[in-house]
Amino acid sequence: MTLFYVFGTIAVLASLLVVAQRNPIHSVLLLIAAFGALSGLYVLLDAPFVAVIQIIVYAGAIMVLFLFVVMLLNAPREDVEGRPEEAGAVPPPTARAGPLRLGGLLAIVLAIELVWALSTAREARLGAESVSSVAAIGRALFREYAFPFEVTSVLILVAMLGAVVLARPDRPRTGRSSASSGGSAGA
C-alpha cells in the first residue's frame, strides 16, 4: 500500500507541475515522470503488459514526438513581463469570462466523471478471457479494433503536420523568387 501512495503522489505532483511550468521542455520531462509513475501503478495492479506499453508507447514514442514538436516549434518560455495585465492594460472582465467559464465547466464535468467512474468501478469485472495473454490482446487489437487503431495513427500524423505548418514562419509572397530579388533566404 505504501508503494501505491508513493507512485500516486509522484503522478499527481508531476501532472500538476506539467501545467505549472513555463519552460515547455521541463513540462515534457515532467510528463515522462508522470507516465513512469502511472506505469508503477499498473505494476501494482498486476498488469505488467500495460505497464510496459505505458513506458514504450507513451514515455518513449509519444513523448519523443512531443519533444520533437516542441523543439521544432522552438517554443520560448512564457514571458511574464510582456503581459498586458502588468503593463496596466487590463482586459475587460467579459474578455476573461469566456475561458474561465469553459474551464469551470470542464472542471465540473471532470468531477462528475470521476464520481461516476469511482462508483461503477466496483461493479465492473473483467473476464479472464479478455486479458489472458499478450497474443489475445494483439488479436483483439488488430482484428476487432484495427480501424480505430489506424484512425488514431492518422490523427496523430495529421496533428503533427498541422503543428509543422502552423510553426512555419509567414513569408510574404511577392511573386518573385528570392534569387531574382538579390536577397538571400538565410539572412
Protein backbone atom coordinates (compact mmCIF):
# COMPACT_ATOMS: atom_id res chain seq x y z
CA MET A 1 0.00 0.00 0.00
CA THR A 2 2.93 2.33 0.62
CA LEU A 3 4.11 1.99 -2.98
CA PHE A 4 0.65 2.98 -4.19
CA TYR A 5 0.83 6.23 -2.26
CA VAL A 6 4.37 6.90 -3.48
CA PHE A 7 3.51 6.33 -7.15
CA GLY A 8 0.20 8.17 -6.80
CA THR A 9 1.87 11.18 -5.20
CA ILE A 10 4.55 11.29 -7.89
CA ALA A 11 1.92 11.02 -10.63
CA VAL A 12 -0.26 13.79 -9.19
CA LEU A 13 2.62 16.16 -8.40
CA ALA A 14 4.29 15.63 -11.77
CA SER A 15 0.97 16.19 -13.55
CA LEU A 16 0.35 19.42 -11.66
CA LEU A 17 3.87 20.62 -12.37
CA VAL A 18 3.40 19.88 -16.10
CA VAL A 19 0.83 22.64 -16.38
CA ALA A 20 2.63 24.95 -13.94
CA GLN A 21 5.95 25.03 -15.82
CA ARG A 22 6.85 27.94 -18.07
CA ASN A 23 9.51 26.01 -19.95
CA PRO A 24 7.89 23.50 -22.36
CA ILE A 25 10.91 21.18 -22.23
CA HIS A 26 10.52 20.86 -18.45
CA SER A 27 6.81 20.15 -18.94
CA VAL A 28 7.60 17.32 -21.35
CA LEU A 29 10.14 15.82 -18.93
CA LEU A 30 7.68 16.04 -16.04
CA LEU A 31 5.07 14.34 -18.19
CA ILE A 32 7.51 11.49 -18.73
CA ALA A 33 7.87 11.25 -14.92
CA ALA A 34 4.08 11.13 -14.57
CA PHE A 35 3.91 8.35 -17.15
CA GLY A 36 6.60 6.44 -15.25
CA ALA A 37 4.59 6.73 -12.02
CA LEU A 38 1.48 5.52 -13.84
CA SER A 39 3.48 2.57 -15.07
CA GLY A 40 4.38 1.78 -11.47
CA LEU A 41 0.69 1.91 -10.56
CA TYR A 42 -0.07 -0.55 -13.36
CA VAL A 43 2.55 -2.93 -11.96
CA LEU A 44 0.85 -2.70 -8.57
CA LEU A 45 -2.45 -3.54 -10.26
CA ASP A 46 -0.82 -6.72 -11.58
CA ALA A 47 -0.94 -5.50 -15.19
CA PRO A 48 2.68 -5.77 -16.33
CA PHE A 49 1.80 -5.70 -20.04
CA VAL A 50 0.02 -2.36 -19.68
CA ALA A 51 2.91 -1.03 -17.58
CA VAL A 52 5.46 -1.92 -20.25
CA ILE A 53 3.26 -0.50 -23.01
CA GLN A 54 2.88 2.69 -20.95
CA ILE A 55 6.66 3.10 -20.91
CA ILE A 56 7.31 2.05 -24.51
CA VAL A 57 4.44 3.85 -26.21
CA TYR A 58 3.80 6.93 -24.06
CA ALA A 59 7.05 7.69 -22.29
CA GLY A 60 9.02 6.51 -25.30
CA ALA A 61 7.36 7.19 -28.64
CA ILE A 62 4.70 9.80 -27.86
CA MET A 63 6.94 11.91 -25.62
CA VAL A 64 9.76 11.83 -28.15
CA LEU A 65 7.22 13.10 -30.68
CA PHE A 66 6.13 15.86 -28.26
CA LEU A 67 9.74 16.79 -27.59
CA PHE A 68 10.44 16.87 -31.32
CA VAL A 69 7.45 19.14 -31.97
CA VAL A 70 8.35 21.45 -29.06
CA MET A 71 11.91 21.78 -30.34
CA LEU A 72 10.67 22.17 -33.92
CA LEU A 73 8.38 24.98 -32.88
CA ASN A 74 11.22 26.46 -30.83
CA ALA A 75 8.67 27.40 -28.20
CA PRO A 76 10.16 30.01 -25.89
CA ARG A 77 9.49 30.20 -22.22
CA GLU A 78 6.39 32.10 -21.23
CA ASP A 79 7.26 35.77 -20.82
CA VAL A 80 5.58 37.19 -17.72
CA GLU A 81 6.94 40.71 -18.20
CA GLY A 82 5.29 41.14 -21.59
CA ARG A 83 1.75 40.54 -20.42
CA PRO A 84 -0.68 43.41 -20.98
CA GLU A 85 -2.14 42.96 -17.49
CA GLU A 86 1.16 44.01 -15.94
CA ALA A 87 1.58 46.97 -18.26
CA GLY A 88 -1.64 48.49 -16.93
CA ALA A 89 -3.85 47.46 -19.86
CA VAL A 90 -6.18 45.04 -18.09
CA PRO A 91 -8.58 43.31 -20.47
CA PRO A 92 -12.25 43.81 -19.69
CA PRO A 93 -13.87 41.19 -17.44
CA THR A 94 -16.01 39.97 -20.34
CA ALA A 95 -12.86 39.03 -22.28
CA ARG A 96 -11.66 36.88 -19.38
CA ALA A 97 -15.06 35.37 -18.56
CA GLY A 98 -15.23 33.01 -21.55
CA PRO A 99 -12.12 30.95 -20.81
CA LEU A 100 -12.91 30.96 -17.08
CA ARG A 101 -16.43 29.66 -17.69
CA LEU A 102 -15.16 26.98 -20.05
CA GLY A 103 -12.51 25.92 -17.53
CA GLY A 104 -15.09 25.81 -14.74
CA LEU A 105 -17.47 23.77 -16.87
CA LEU A 106 -14.70 21.31 -17.76
CA ALA A 107 -13.74 21.01 -14.07
CA ILE A 108 -17.36 20.19 -13.16
CA VAL A 109 -17.56 17.61 -15.96
CA LEU A 110 -14.30 16.05 -14.73
CA ALA A 111 -15.59 15.88 -11.15
CA ILE A 112 -18.84 14.23 -12.30
CA GLU A 113 -16.89 11.76 -14.42
CA LEU A 114 -14.59 10.89 -11.51
CA VAL A 115 -17.55 10.29 -9.18
CA TRP A 116 -19.23 8.12 -11.81
CA ALA A 117 -16.05 6.15 -12.53
CA LEU A 118 -15.35 5.51 -8.85
CA SER A 119 -18.94 4.45 -8.17
CA THR A 120 -19.06 2.00 -11.09
CA ALA A 121 -15.50 0.67 -10.70
CA ARG A 122 -16.51 -1.83 -8.03
CA GLU A 123 -19.30 -3.20 -10.21
CA ALA A 124 -17.15 -3.73 -13.30
CA ARG A 125 -15.44 -7.09 -13.61
CA LEU A 126 -13.21 -8.17 -16.44
CA GLY A 127 -13.48 -11.71 -17.67
CA ALA A 128 -10.32 -13.81 -17.56
CA GLU A 129 -10.55 -14.39 -21.30
CA SER A 130 -10.33 -10.66 -22.09
CA VAL A 131 -6.74 -10.27 -20.83
CA SER A 132 -5.48 -13.83 -20.80
CA SER A 133 -2.32 -13.24 -22.83
CA VAL A 134 -0.41 -10.83 -24.98
CA ALA A 135 -1.47 -12.84 -28.04
CA ALA A 136 -5.15 -12.36 -27.12
CA ILE A 137 -4.60 -8.63 -26.72
CA GLY A 138 -2.84 -8.46 -30.10
CA ARG A 139 -5.63 -10.43 -31.81
CA ALA A 140 -8.27 -8.14 -30.33
CA LEU A 141 -6.32 -5.02 -31.23
CA PHE A 142 -5.64 -5.93 -34.84
CA ARG A 143 -8.90 -7.76 -35.61
CA GLU A 144 -11.76 -6.06 -33.78
CA TYR A 145 -10.09 -2.68 -33.21
CA ALA A 146 -7.94 -2.34 -36.34
CA PHE A 147 -9.92 0.59 -37.76
CA PRO A 148 -9.80 2.76 -34.58
CA PHE A 149 -6.11 1.89 -34.22
CA GLU A 150 -5.34 3.12 -37.74
CA VAL A 151 -7.56 6.20 -37.39
CA THR A 152 -5.64 7.15 -34.25
CA SER A 153 -2.31 6.87 -36.05
CA VAL A 154 -3.57 9.03 -38.94
CA LEU A 155 -4.93 11.57 -36.45
CA ILE A 156 -1.55 11.84 -34.72
CA LEU A 157 0.16 12.24 -38.10
CA VAL A 158 -2.26 15.00 -39.16
CA ALA A 159 -1.77 16.79 -35.83
CA MET A 160 2.00 16.71 -36.27
CA LEU A 161 1.76 18.02 -39.84
CA GLY A 162 -0.59 20.76 -38.64
CA ALA A 163 1.94 21.79 -35.99
CA VAL A 164 4.67 21.96 -38.62
CA VAL A 165 2.51 24.09 -40.92
CA LEU A 166 1.50 26.41 -38.09
CA ALA A 167 5.10 26.75 -36.93
CA ARG A 168 6.35 27.75 -40.37
CA PRO A 169 7.21 31.45 -40.42
CA ASP A 170 5.00 33.57 -42.63
CA ARG A 171 6.87 34.77 -45.68
CA PRO A 172 5.45 37.46 -47.91
CA ARG A 173 4.61 36.16 -51.36
CA THR A 174 5.73 38.73 -53.89
CA GLY A 175 5.68 36.59 -57.00
CA ARG A 176 9.44 36.96 -57.47
CA SER A 177 11.92 34.33 -56.49
CA SER A 178 14.47 35.08 -53.81
CA ALA A 179 17.30 34.64 -56.33
CA SER A 180 15.97 37.34 -58.65
CA SER A 181 15.39 39.79 -55.82
CA GLY A 182 19.05 39.72 -54.86
CA GLY A 183 18.30 38.84 -51.25
CA SER A 184 19.48 35.77 -49.50
CA ALA A 185 16.92 33.44 -47.95
CA GLY A 186 19.15 32.64 -44.99
CA ALA A 187 19.74 36.25 -43.98
